[in-house]
Amino acid sequence: MKQKRPNYFLSLLSMKCPRCRRGDMFKDKNPFHWRFSRIFNMHEHCPVCGQQFELETGFWFGTGYVSYALGVAFSVFNLIWYWLIFGLSWRDNSVFIWLGVNGFILLIFQPWLMRISRVIYLYFFVYYDEDTAEAEHDASGVK
């Protein structure tokens, strides 16, 4: 019996392995710890299918581009909702207030943005393998 294929976007947002979409990429699911040394505490290989996460030395340097794009998109989103709710004008300095609010929101969400940029970047290079997911499902004895 064929198992249902996990949803791409739900797997990405829940930070699952791109190959099997079942194994967790990070050892701790919560990115919001006060110890920032735990933000990137990742498994070396997927606990379900064995996919290696760091494909080569220096692989994660490319996540800076993804993180930058996410930061810009997040800032545009913040600009739109702020503009619709409060309005923007140079006359009353509301643009500077928005800059402060946006900076604070970006600071709060930075650990999550850093993790999700790693996940998105890895999803560019590693594709879902239905055969591997089925083999892992069959090997677990669950049918």
Protein backbone atom coordinates (compact mmCIF):
# COMPACT_ATOMS: atom_id res chain seq x y z
CA MET A 1 0.00 0.00 0.00
CA LYS A 2 1.41 3.34 -1.03
CA GLN A 3 1.80 5.95 1.66
CA LYS A 4 0.46 9.46 1.14
CA ARG A 5 3.11 11.90 -0.09
CA PRO A 6 3.84 14.60 2.54
CA ASN A 7 2.94 18.15 1.53
CA TYR A 8 5.89 20.18 0.24
CA PHE A 9 5.10 23.47 1.99
CA LEU A 10 4.06 21.89 5.29
CA SER A 11 7.26 19.83 5.32
CA LEU A 12 9.31 22.93 4.55
CA LEU A 13 7.61 25.04 7.24
CA SER A 14 7.90 22.26 9.82
CA MET A 15 11.60 21.99 8.88
CA LYS A 16 11.58 18.36 7.79
CA CYS A 17 14.17 16.56 5.64
CA PRO A 18 13.68 17.40 1.93
CA ARG A 19 14.39 13.83 0.81
CA CYS A 20 11.84 11.92 2.92
CA ARG A 21 9.86 14.86 4.40
CA ARG A 22 9.56 12.99 7.69
CA GLY A 23 12.79 13.44 9.67
CA ASP A 24 13.48 16.61 11.63
CA MET A 25 16.43 18.69 10.43
CA PHE A 26 17.05 20.34 13.79
CA LYS A 27 17.62 18.57 17.10
CA ASP A 28 15.46 21.09 18.94
CA LYS A 29 12.26 22.22 17.24
CA ASN A 30 12.12 25.55 19.09
CA PRO A 31 14.37 28.22 17.50
CA PHE A 32 13.56 30.79 20.21
CA HIS A 33 16.04 29.88 22.95
CA TRP A 34 17.97 32.42 24.94
CA ARG A 35 21.16 30.52 24.15
CA PHE A 36 21.86 31.43 20.55
CA SER A 37 24.37 28.60 20.24
CA ARG A 38 21.39 26.21 19.89
CA ILE A 39 19.82 27.94 16.88
CA PHE A 40 21.77 25.86 14.34
CA ASN A 41 21.93 22.64 16.37
CA MET A 42 21.21 20.29 13.43
CA HIS A 43 21.46 16.57 12.88
CA GLU A 44 24.32 15.67 10.55
CA HIS A 45 22.08 13.16 8.77
CA CYS A 46 18.31 12.75 8.63
CA PRO A 47 17.20 10.45 11.46
CA VAL A 48 14.69 8.78 9.10
CA CYS A 49 16.38 8.38 5.69
CA GLY A 50 20.03 9.20 6.41
CA GLN A 51 20.27 12.17 4.02
CA GLN A 52 23.34 14.27 4.77
CA PHE A 53 22.34 17.88 5.47
CA GLU A 54 25.65 19.70 4.92
CA LEU A 55 26.31 18.69 1.32
CA GLU A 56 29.82 20.14 1.16
CA THR A 57 32.17 22.30 3.20
CA GLY A 58 30.89 25.86 3.32
CA PHE A 59 27.48 24.82 1.99
CA TRP A 60 25.54 27.04 4.39
CA PHE A 61 27.18 30.28 3.18
CA GLY A 62 24.55 30.44 0.42
CA THR A 63 21.80 30.79 2.99
CA GLY A 64 22.75 34.46 3.36
CA TYR A 65 21.06 35.16 0.03
CA VAL A 66 17.91 33.32 1.08
CA SER A 67 17.90 35.06 4.45
CA TYR A 68 18.29 38.45 2.74
CA ALA A 69 15.36 37.76 0.39
CA LEU A 70 13.20 36.60 3.31
CA GLY A 71 14.12 39.71 5.30
CA VAL A 72 13.16 41.99 2.40
CA ALA A 73 9.87 40.12 1.85
CA PHE A 74 9.13 40.25 5.59
CA SER A 75 9.84 44.01 5.63
CA VAL A 76 7.55 44.61 2.64
CA PHE A 77 4.82 42.62 4.39
CA ASN A 78 5.33 44.75 7.53
CA LEU A 79 5.21 47.93 5.44
CA ILE A 80 1.90 46.93 3.84
CA TRP A 81 0.08 46.04 7.06
CA TYR A 82 1.50 49.09 8.86
CA TRP A 83 0.46 51.36 5.99
CA LEU A 84 -3.07 49.91 5.89
CA ILE A 85 -3.60 50.14 9.66
CA PHE A 86 -1.72 53.32 10.66
CA GLY A 87 -0.86 55.09 7.40
CA LEU A 88 2.53 56.47 6.39
CA SER A 89 3.61 60.05 5.97
CA TRP A 90 6.88 61.98 6.01
CA ARG A 91 5.11 64.87 7.76
CA ASP A 92 4.39 63.08 11.03
CA ASN A 93 7.51 60.85 11.01
CA SER A 94 5.41 57.67 10.80
CA VAL A 95 7.97 56.27 8.33
CA PHE A 96 10.60 56.35 11.07
CA ILE A 97 8.20 54.75 13.51
CA TRP A 98 7.61 51.98 10.95
CA LEU A 99 11.38 51.52 10.60
CA GLY A 100 11.66 51.02 14.35
CA VAL A 101 8.69 48.64 14.48
CA ASN A 102 10.01 46.69 11.49
CA GLY A 103 13.50 46.45 12.99
CA PHE A 104 12.07 45.17 16.27
CA ILE A 105 9.88 42.56 14.50
CA LEU A 106 12.84 41.41 12.38
CA LEU A 107 14.97 41.09 15.50
CA ILE A 108 12.32 38.98 17.23
CA PHE A 109 11.86 36.64 14.22
CA GLN A 110 15.56 36.42 13.30
CA PRO A 111 16.17 32.94 14.83
CA TRP A 112 13.25 31.50 12.86
CA LEU A 113 14.28 33.33 9.68
CA MET A 114 17.82 31.95 9.98
CA ARG A 115 16.57 28.39 10.38
CA ILE A 116 13.96 28.56 7.62
CA SER A 117 16.56 30.02 5.24
CA ARG A 118 18.70 26.90 5.81
CA VAL A 119 15.71 24.67 5.13
CA ILE A 120 14.73 26.54 1.95
CA TYR A 121 18.32 26.49 0.71
CA LEU A 122 18.62 22.73 1.25
CA TYR A 123 15.28 22.19 -0.51
CA PHE A 124 16.85 23.80 -3.62
CA PHE A 125 19.41 21.00 -3.86
CA VAL A 126 17.79 17.88 -2.38
CA TYR A 127 14.57 16.57 -3.88
CA TYR A 128 11.87 14.32 -2.51
CA ASP A 129 12.60 10.66 -3.23
CA GLU A 130 9.44 8.58 -3.18
CA ASP A 131 11.37 5.29 -3.27
CA THR A 132 13.40 6.23 -0.20
CA ALA A 133 10.29 7.35 1.68
CA GLU A 134 8.52 4.08 0.79
CA ALA A 135 11.54 1.95 1.75
CA GLU A 136 11.79 3.70 5.12
CA HIS A 137 8.05 3.26 5.62
CA ASP A 138 8.26 -0.47 4.79
CA ALA A 139 11.36 -0.98 6.95
CA SER A 140 9.62 0.48 9.98
CA GLY A 141 7.00 -2.29 9.76
CA VAL A 142 4.11 0.18 9.67
CA LYS A 143 1.65 -0.53 6.90
